[in-house]
Every structure is written in C-alpha cells, then in structure tokens.
Amino acid sequence: MRLAEFHSRDHGPGDSLAQSDTAMIWAALDTVTDPEIPVISIVEMGMVPSVLVDGDATVVRMTPTFAGCPALDVIRQNIVAAVKNAGYENVRVDVVFDPPWTSDRITDVGREKLKSFGLAPPGAACGSINELRIAEAACPLCDSTNTTLESIFGPTLCRAIHYCNDCQQSFEQFKPV
C-alpha cells in the first residue's frame, strides 16, 4: 500500500507514481471554482491545504473561507466530480478548520483574478482584523485609494461594499480575514 500526503502543491517525496497522481489531482482541483466567484479556483483561493493518496483512495482536505459558507456543499460536490473526472474513483472530501483559512492564503494569481472580476482583493490580514482594516481598500476599477466603506456587510459574508470617490463607482471588497 502506498500512502502519501501532499501539501499545497508540494508534489511529494520522490515517488514518481505518487508525484504523477498528485499532479493530476492538483490539476483537477485547479478546475474547481468558487461558485460565488467563478473566475478563481479553490487552489488559488488557498482552500486546499493537502491531498492524501492512500492506495486507490484520494482524500482532499478542504478549508472553507468562512465556517458558515453557503457554497460548501457545492464546492465539495465539484471537488469529487473533478477528481473523479481525472480518473480517481474513490474520492473523499474532508472539511477541515485546522489549519484555519485566512485571506493571506490567496495566491498572487488569485488576487489578480479577484481584481479583474471587480472585487478589491484583501490586504494582508496576519491574524488581526477590524473595521479599520476592512475600510482600507483600493478600487479594483481605477486603483484609487480614495475610497469609502459603505457597508461592512456585503452580499456574502466574505465581502464589504465600498465607494470610489474618484471614479464614482461602487465596488465590493473581499474581506481580509
């Protein structure tokens, strides 16, 4: 029996078969998008801390961005479908909260995709967040920092609503967590 665990695209300990398997699994996971932000994958969001391959079983550990995320079941189903589509029939998704997800786990590519989608990417959180930190957001449309926090409560738990005083457009910010 071969047992290998791979963390955040760390394709493992010298076993070329395990490396091949895990590369295919990570590629499959990279096709799974966040249903609320369809331009960014769960890998780019930093939601997959590890993948475990145990013989013919594949376990994907997934950390949601918020504990009460309403898209959790959809993401879990999409992970199973993507990994099965890559040729791995025995797939399980474990939702884990350790390590906890923070917005610091979003990749640079992911941050650019958020901005292109019209969401201000979060600043570095480093475990400390308050309303003043959320109020700091550059407009994703014109890059101005002359913005105003309109509401700390956006259309989803992970977003806040801002107004750009320069381009005079409202925009959403992905909250730093």
C-alpha atoms as a PDB file:
ATOM      1  CA  MET A   1       0.000   0.000   0.000  1.00  0.00           C
ATOM      2  CA  ARG A   2       1.295   3.434  -0.943  1.00  0.00           C
ATOM      3  CA  LEU A   3       0.451   6.310   1.377  1.00  0.00           C
ATOM      4  CA  ALA A   4       1.480   9.835   0.504  1.00  0.00           C
ATOM      5  CA  GLU A   5       0.277  13.211   1.687  1.00  0.00           C
ATOM      6  CA  PHE A   6       0.940  16.351  -0.298  1.00  0.00           C
ATOM      7  CA  HIS A   7       0.524  19.871   0.982  1.00  0.00           C
ATOM      8  CA  SER A   8      -0.408  22.851  -1.156  1.00  0.00           C
ATOM      9  CA  ARG A   9       1.066  21.635  -4.424  1.00  0.00           C
ATOM     10  CA  ASP A  10       4.102  20.088  -2.728  1.00  0.00           C
ATOM     11  CA  HIS A  11       4.203  17.115  -5.051  1.00  0.00           C
ATOM     12  CA  GLY A  12       5.752  14.779  -2.634  1.00  0.00           C
ATOM     13  CA  PRO A  13       8.531  12.560  -1.578  1.00  0.00           C
ATOM     14  CA  GLY A  14      10.374  11.246  -4.622  1.00  0.00           C
ATOM     15  CA  ASP A  15       7.780   8.623  -5.591  1.00  0.00           C
ATOM     16  CA  SER A  16       7.256   9.331  -9.289  1.00  0.00           C
ATOM     17  CA  LEU A  17       3.916   7.499  -9.366  1.00  0.00           C
ATOM     18  CA  ALA A  18       2.713   9.497  -6.371  1.00  0.00           C
ATOM     19  CA  GLN A  19       4.027  12.681  -7.986  1.00  0.00           C
ATOM     20  CA  SER A  20       2.189  11.866 -11.199  1.00  0.00           C
ATOM     21  CA  ASP A  21      -1.036  11.088  -9.316  1.00  0.00           C
ATOM     22  CA  THR A  22      -0.870  14.148  -7.167  1.00  0.00           C
ATOM     23  CA  ALA A  23      -0.013  16.430 -10.109  1.00  0.00           C
ATOM     24  CA  MET A  24      -3.132  15.169 -11.880  1.00  0.00           C
ATOM     25  CA  ILE A  25      -5.235  15.622  -8.747  1.00  0.00           C
ATOM     26  CA  TRP A  26      -3.965  19.182  -8.190  1.00  0.00           C
ATOM     27  CA  ALA A  27      -4.650  19.970 -11.871  1.00  0.00           C
ATOM     28  CA  ALA A  28      -8.193  18.656 -11.425  1.00  0.00           C
ATOM     29  CA  LEU A  29      -8.650  20.738  -8.256  1.00  0.00           C
ATOM     30  CA  ASP A  30      -7.457  23.812 -10.125  1.00  0.00           C
ATOM     31  CA  THR A  31     -10.550  23.486 -12.360  1.00  0.00           C
ATOM     32  CA  VAL A  32     -12.911  23.757  -9.383  1.00  0.00           C
ATOM     33  CA  THR A  33     -14.008  27.351  -8.976  1.00  0.00           C
ATOM     34  CA  ASP A  34     -15.642  29.175  -6.128  1.00  0.00           C
ATOM     35  CA  PRO A  35     -19.364  29.248  -7.064  1.00  0.00           C
ATOM     36  CA  GLU A  36     -19.654  32.829  -5.809  1.00  0.00           C
ATOM     37  CA  ILE A  37     -16.513  33.993  -7.660  1.00  0.00           C
ATOM     38  CA  PRO A  38     -16.332  31.771 -10.759  1.00  0.00           C
ATOM     39  CA  VAL A  39     -13.058  33.245 -12.064  1.00  0.00           C
ATOM     40  CA  ILE A  40     -10.915  31.879  -9.227  1.00  0.00           C
ATOM     41  CA  SER A  41     -10.151  28.263  -8.341  1.00  0.00           C
ATOM     42  CA  ILE A  42     -10.232  26.787  -4.879  1.00  0.00           C
ATOM     43  CA  VAL A  43      -6.476  26.185  -5.255  1.00  0.00           C
ATOM     44  CA  GLU A  44      -5.874  29.884  -5.999  1.00  0.00           C
ATOM     45  CA  MET A  45      -8.099  30.713  -3.002  1.00  0.00           C
ATOM     46  CA  GLY A  46      -5.829  28.572  -0.807  1.00  0.00           C
ATOM     47  CA  MET A  47      -8.744  26.388   0.256  1.00  0.00           C
ATOM     48  CA  VAL A  48      -6.938  23.043  -0.187  1.00  0.00           C
ATOM     49  CA  PRO A  49      -4.267  22.568   2.473  1.00  0.00           C
ATOM     50  CA  SER A  50      -3.477  18.989   1.444  1.00  0.00           C
ATOM     51  CA  VAL A  51      -4.281  15.957  -0.652  1.00  0.00           C
ATOM     52  CA  LEU A  52      -3.816  12.416   0.670  1.00  0.00           C
ATOM     53  CA  VAL A  53      -3.362   9.429  -1.648  1.00  0.00           C
ATOM     54  CA  ASP A  54      -3.764   6.079   0.117  1.00  0.00           C
ATOM     55  CA  GLY A  55      -3.700   3.197  -2.359  1.00  0.00           C
ATOM     56  CA  ASP A  56      -6.736   3.778  -4.570  1.00  0.00           C
ATOM     57  CA  ALA A  57      -8.310   6.286  -2.175  1.00  0.00           C
ATOM     58  CA  THR A  58      -7.920  10.028  -2.597  1.00  0.00           C
ATOM     59  CA  VAL A  59      -8.704  12.375   0.276  1.00  0.00           C
ATOM     60  CA  VAL A  60      -8.876  16.098  -0.411  1.00  0.00           C
ATOM     61  CA  ARG A  61      -8.712  18.267   2.695  1.00  0.00           C
ATOM     62  CA  MET A  62     -10.636  21.490   2.096  1.00  0.00           C
ATOM     63  CA  THR A  63     -10.851  24.535   4.346  1.00  0.00           C
ATOM     64  CA  PRO A  64     -13.782  26.880   3.668  1.00  0.00           C
ATOM     65  CA  THR A  65     -13.211  30.621   3.623  1.00  0.00           C
ATOM     66  CA  PHE A  66     -15.939  31.054   6.255  1.00  0.00           C
ATOM     67  CA  ALA A  67     -17.325  28.419   8.637  1.00  0.00           C
ATOM     68  CA  GLY A  68     -20.884  29.160   7.521  1.00  0.00           C
ATOM     69  CA  CYS A  69     -20.088  29.309   3.808  1.00  0.00           C
ATOM     70  CA  PRO A  70     -23.330  28.527   1.947  1.00  0.00           C
ATOM     71  CA  ALA A  71     -21.371  27.182  -1.059  1.00  0.00           C
ATOM     72  CA  LEU A  72     -19.654  24.453   0.984  1.00  0.00           C
ATOM     73  CA  ASP A  73     -21.748  21.533  -0.294  1.00  0.00           C
ATOM     74  CA  VAL A  74     -21.479  22.716  -3.900  1.00  0.00           C
ATOM     75  CA  ILE A  75     -17.693  23.041  -3.625  1.00  0.00           C
ATOM     76  CA  ARG A  76     -17.436  19.578  -2.048  1.00  0.00           C
ATOM     77  CA  GLN A  77     -19.533  18.051  -4.869  1.00  0.00           C
ATOM     78  CA  ASN A  78     -17.462  19.855  -7.513  1.00  0.00           C
ATOM     79  CA  ILE A  79     -14.212  18.580  -5.963  1.00  0.00           C
ATOM     80  CA  VAL A  80     -15.453  14.992  -6.051  1.00  0.00           C
ATOM     81  CA  ALA A  81     -16.648  15.370  -9.667  1.00  0.00           C
ATOM     82  CA  ALA A  82     -13.369  16.965 -10.847  1.00  0.00           C
ATOM     83  CA  VAL A  83     -11.125  14.367  -9.203  1.00  0.00           C
ATOM     84  CA  LYS A  84     -13.327  11.510 -10.460  1.00  0.00           C
ATOM     85  CA  ASN A  85     -13.226  13.056 -13.953  1.00  0.00           C
ATOM     86  CA  ALA A  86      -9.410  12.899 -13.722  1.00  0.00           C
ATOM     87  CA  GLY A  87      -9.689   9.121 -13.251  1.00  0.00           C
ATOM     88  CA  TYR A  88      -9.794   8.690  -9.479  1.00  0.00           C
ATOM     89  CA  GLU A  89     -12.981   6.889  -8.450  1.00  0.00           C
ATOM     90  CA  ASN A  90     -12.564   6.654  -4.672  1.00  0.00           C
ATOM     91  CA  VAL A  91     -12.654  10.326  -3.617  1.00  0.00           C
ATOM     92  CA  ARG A  92     -13.480  11.791  -0.222  1.00  0.00           C
ATOM     93  CA  VAL A  93     -13.508  15.465   0.772  1.00  0.00           C
ATOM     94  CA  ASP A  94     -12.786  16.250   4.410  1.00  0.00           C
ATOM     95  CA  VAL A  95     -13.764  19.742   5.505  1.00  0.00           C
ATOM     96  CA  VAL A  96     -11.118  20.882   7.969  1.00  0.00           C
ATOM     97  CA  PHE A  97     -10.646  24.009  10.019  1.00  0.00           C
ATOM     98  CA  ASP A  98      -7.047  23.336  11.024  1.00  0.00           C
ATOM     99  CA  PRO A  99      -5.124  24.973   9.557  1.00  0.00           C
ATOM    100  CA  PRO A 100      -7.654  27.809   9.551  1.00  0.00           C
ATOM    101  CA  TRP A 101      -8.187  29.615   6.266  1.00  0.00           C
ATOM    102  CA  THR A 102      -7.034  33.217   6.070  1.00  0.00           C
ATOM    103  CA  SER A 103      -7.119  35.611   3.134  1.00  0.00           C
ATOM    104  CA  ASP A 104      -3.298  35.525   3.235  1.00  0.00           C
ATOM    105  CA  ARG A 105      -3.572  32.092   1.574  1.00  0.00           C
ATOM    106  CA  ILE A 106      -4.966  33.574  -1.662  1.00  0.00           C
ATOM    107  CA  THR A 107      -2.262  33.313  -4.340  1.00  0.00           C
ATOM    108  CA  ASP A 108      -0.978  36.318  -6.267  1.00  0.00           C
ATOM    109  CA  VAL A 109      -2.718  34.963  -9.377  1.00  0.00           C
ATOM    110  CA  GLY A 110      -5.902  34.632  -7.341  1.00  0.00           C
ATOM    111  CA  ARG A 111      -5.640  38.238  -6.160  1.00  0.00           C
ATOM    112  CA  GLU A 112      -5.278  39.425  -9.754  1.00  0.00           C
ATOM    113  CA  LYS A 113      -8.319  37.360 -10.753  1.00  0.00           C
ATOM    114  CA  LEU A 114     -10.355  38.887  -7.915  1.00  0.00           C
ATOM    115  CA  LYS A 115      -9.393  42.362  -9.115  1.00  0.00           C
ATOM    116  CA  SER A 116     -10.215  41.542 -12.758  1.00  0.00           C
ATOM    117  CA  PHE A 117     -13.595  40.261 -11.574  1.00  0.00           C
ATOM    118  CA  GLY A 118     -14.230  43.654  -9.947  1.00  0.00           C
ATOM    119  CA  LEU A 119     -13.560  42.652  -6.339  1.00  0.00           C
ATOM    120  CA  ALA A 120     -10.919  44.510  -4.372  1.00  0.00           C
ATOM    121  CA  PRO A 121      -8.514  41.825  -3.152  1.00  0.00           C
ATOM    122  CA  PRO A 122      -7.946  41.746   0.598  1.00  0.00           C
ATOM    123  CA  GLY A 123      -4.855  43.254   2.143  1.00  0.00           C
ATOM    124  CA  ALA A 124      -2.589  41.150   4.338  1.00  0.00           C
ATOM    125  CA  ALA A 125      -4.525  40.022   7.395  1.00  0.00           C
ATOM    126  CA  CYS A 126      -1.831  38.468   9.587  1.00  0.00           C
ATOM    127  CA  GLY A 127      -4.498  37.351  12.059  1.00  0.00           C
ATOM    128  CA  SER A 128      -5.570  40.858  13.021  1.00  0.00           C
ATOM    129  CA  ILE A 129      -8.746  42.253  11.528  1.00  0.00           C
ATOM    130  CA  ASN A 130     -11.067  45.094  12.465  1.00  0.00           C
ATOM    131  CA  GLU A 131     -13.327  47.591  10.713  1.00  0.00           C
ATOM    132  CA  LEU A 132     -10.421  49.967  10.082  1.00  0.00           C
ATOM    133  CA  ARG A 133      -8.585  47.225   8.153  1.00  0.00           C
ATOM    134  CA  ILE A 134     -11.699  46.499   6.105  1.00  0.00           C
ATOM    135  CA  ALA A 135     -12.072  50.223   5.344  1.00  0.00           C
ATOM    136  CA  GLU A 136      -8.683  50.168   3.572  1.00  0.00           C
ATOM    137  CA  ALA A 137      -9.492  49.134   0.006  1.00  0.00           C
ATOM    138  CA  ALA A 138      -8.181  50.269  -3.350  1.00  0.00           C
ATOM    139  CA  CYS A 139     -10.748  50.491  -6.120  1.00  0.00           C
ATOM    140  CA  PRO A 140     -10.363  47.483  -8.452  1.00  0.00           C
ATOM    141  CA  LEU A 141     -11.619  49.611 -11.355  1.00  0.00           C
ATOM    142  CA  CYS A 142      -9.241  52.609 -11.197  1.00  0.00           C
ATOM    143  CA  ASP A 143      -6.736  51.675  -8.425  1.00  0.00           C
ATOM    144  CA  SER A 144      -7.620  54.766  -6.382  1.00  0.00           C
ATOM    145  CA  THR A 145      -7.265  54.552  -2.610  1.00  0.00           C
ATOM    146  CA  ASN A 146      -9.692  57.471  -2.248  1.00  0.00           C
ATOM    147  CA  THR A 147     -12.491  55.119  -1.225  1.00  0.00           C
ATOM    148  CA  THR A 148     -15.179  54.983   1.432  1.00  0.00           C
ATOM    149  CA  LEU A 149     -16.522  51.940   3.256  1.00  0.00           C
ATOM    150  CA  GLU A 150     -20.266  51.983   2.560  1.00  0.00           C
ATOM    151  CA  SER A 151     -21.173  48.808   4.448  1.00  0.00           C
ATOM    152  CA  ILE A 152     -19.139  46.209   6.278  1.00  0.00           C
ATOM    153  CA  PHE A 153     -21.909  43.790   5.263  1.00  0.00           C
ATOM    154  CA  GLY A 154     -21.836  42.820   1.594  1.00  0.00           C
ATOM    155  CA  PRO A 155     -23.959  40.355  -0.375  1.00  0.00           C
ATOM    156  CA  THR A 156     -21.992  37.462   1.173  1.00  0.00           C
ATOM    157  CA  LEU A 157     -20.179  37.017   4.493  1.00  0.00           C
ATOM    158  CA  CYS A 158     -16.801  37.463   2.838  1.00  0.00           C
ATOM    159  CA  ARG A 159     -17.470  40.831   1.169  1.00  0.00           C
ATOM    160  CA  ALA A 160     -17.841  44.500   2.116  1.00  0.00           C
ATOM    161  CA  ILE A 161     -19.223  47.325  -0.034  1.00  0.00           C
ATOM    162  CA  HIS A 162     -17.132  50.413  -0.853  1.00  0.00           C
ATOM    163  CA  TYR A 163     -17.481  53.540  -2.969  1.00  0.00           C
ATOM    164  CA  CYS A 164     -14.684  55.060  -5.031  1.00  0.00           C
ATOM    165  CA  ASN A 165     -14.668  58.836  -4.731  1.00  0.00           C
ATOM    166  CA  ASP A 166     -12.541  59.189  -7.888  1.00  0.00           C
ATOM    167  CA  CYS A 167     -14.312  57.029 -10.489  1.00  0.00           C
ATOM    168  CA  GLN A 168     -17.606  57.275  -8.573  1.00  0.00           C
ATOM    169  CA  GLN A 169     -18.325  53.561  -8.731  1.00  0.00           C
ATOM    170  CA  SER A 170     -19.431  51.190  -6.011  1.00  0.00           C
ATOM    171  CA  PHE A 171     -17.383  48.034  -5.623  1.00  0.00           C
ATOM    172  CA  GLU A 172     -17.070  45.034  -3.369  1.00  0.00           C
ATOM    173  CA  GLN A 173     -14.025  44.042  -1.392  1.00  0.00           C
ATOM    174  CA  PHE A 174     -13.117  40.504  -0.426  1.00  0.00           C
ATOM    175  CA  LYS A 175     -12.648  40.995   3.323  1.00  0.00           C
ATOM    176  CA  PRO A 176      -9.233  40.345   4.855  1.00  0.00           C
ATOM    177  CA  VAL A 177      -9.553  37.561   7.409  1.00  0.00           C
END
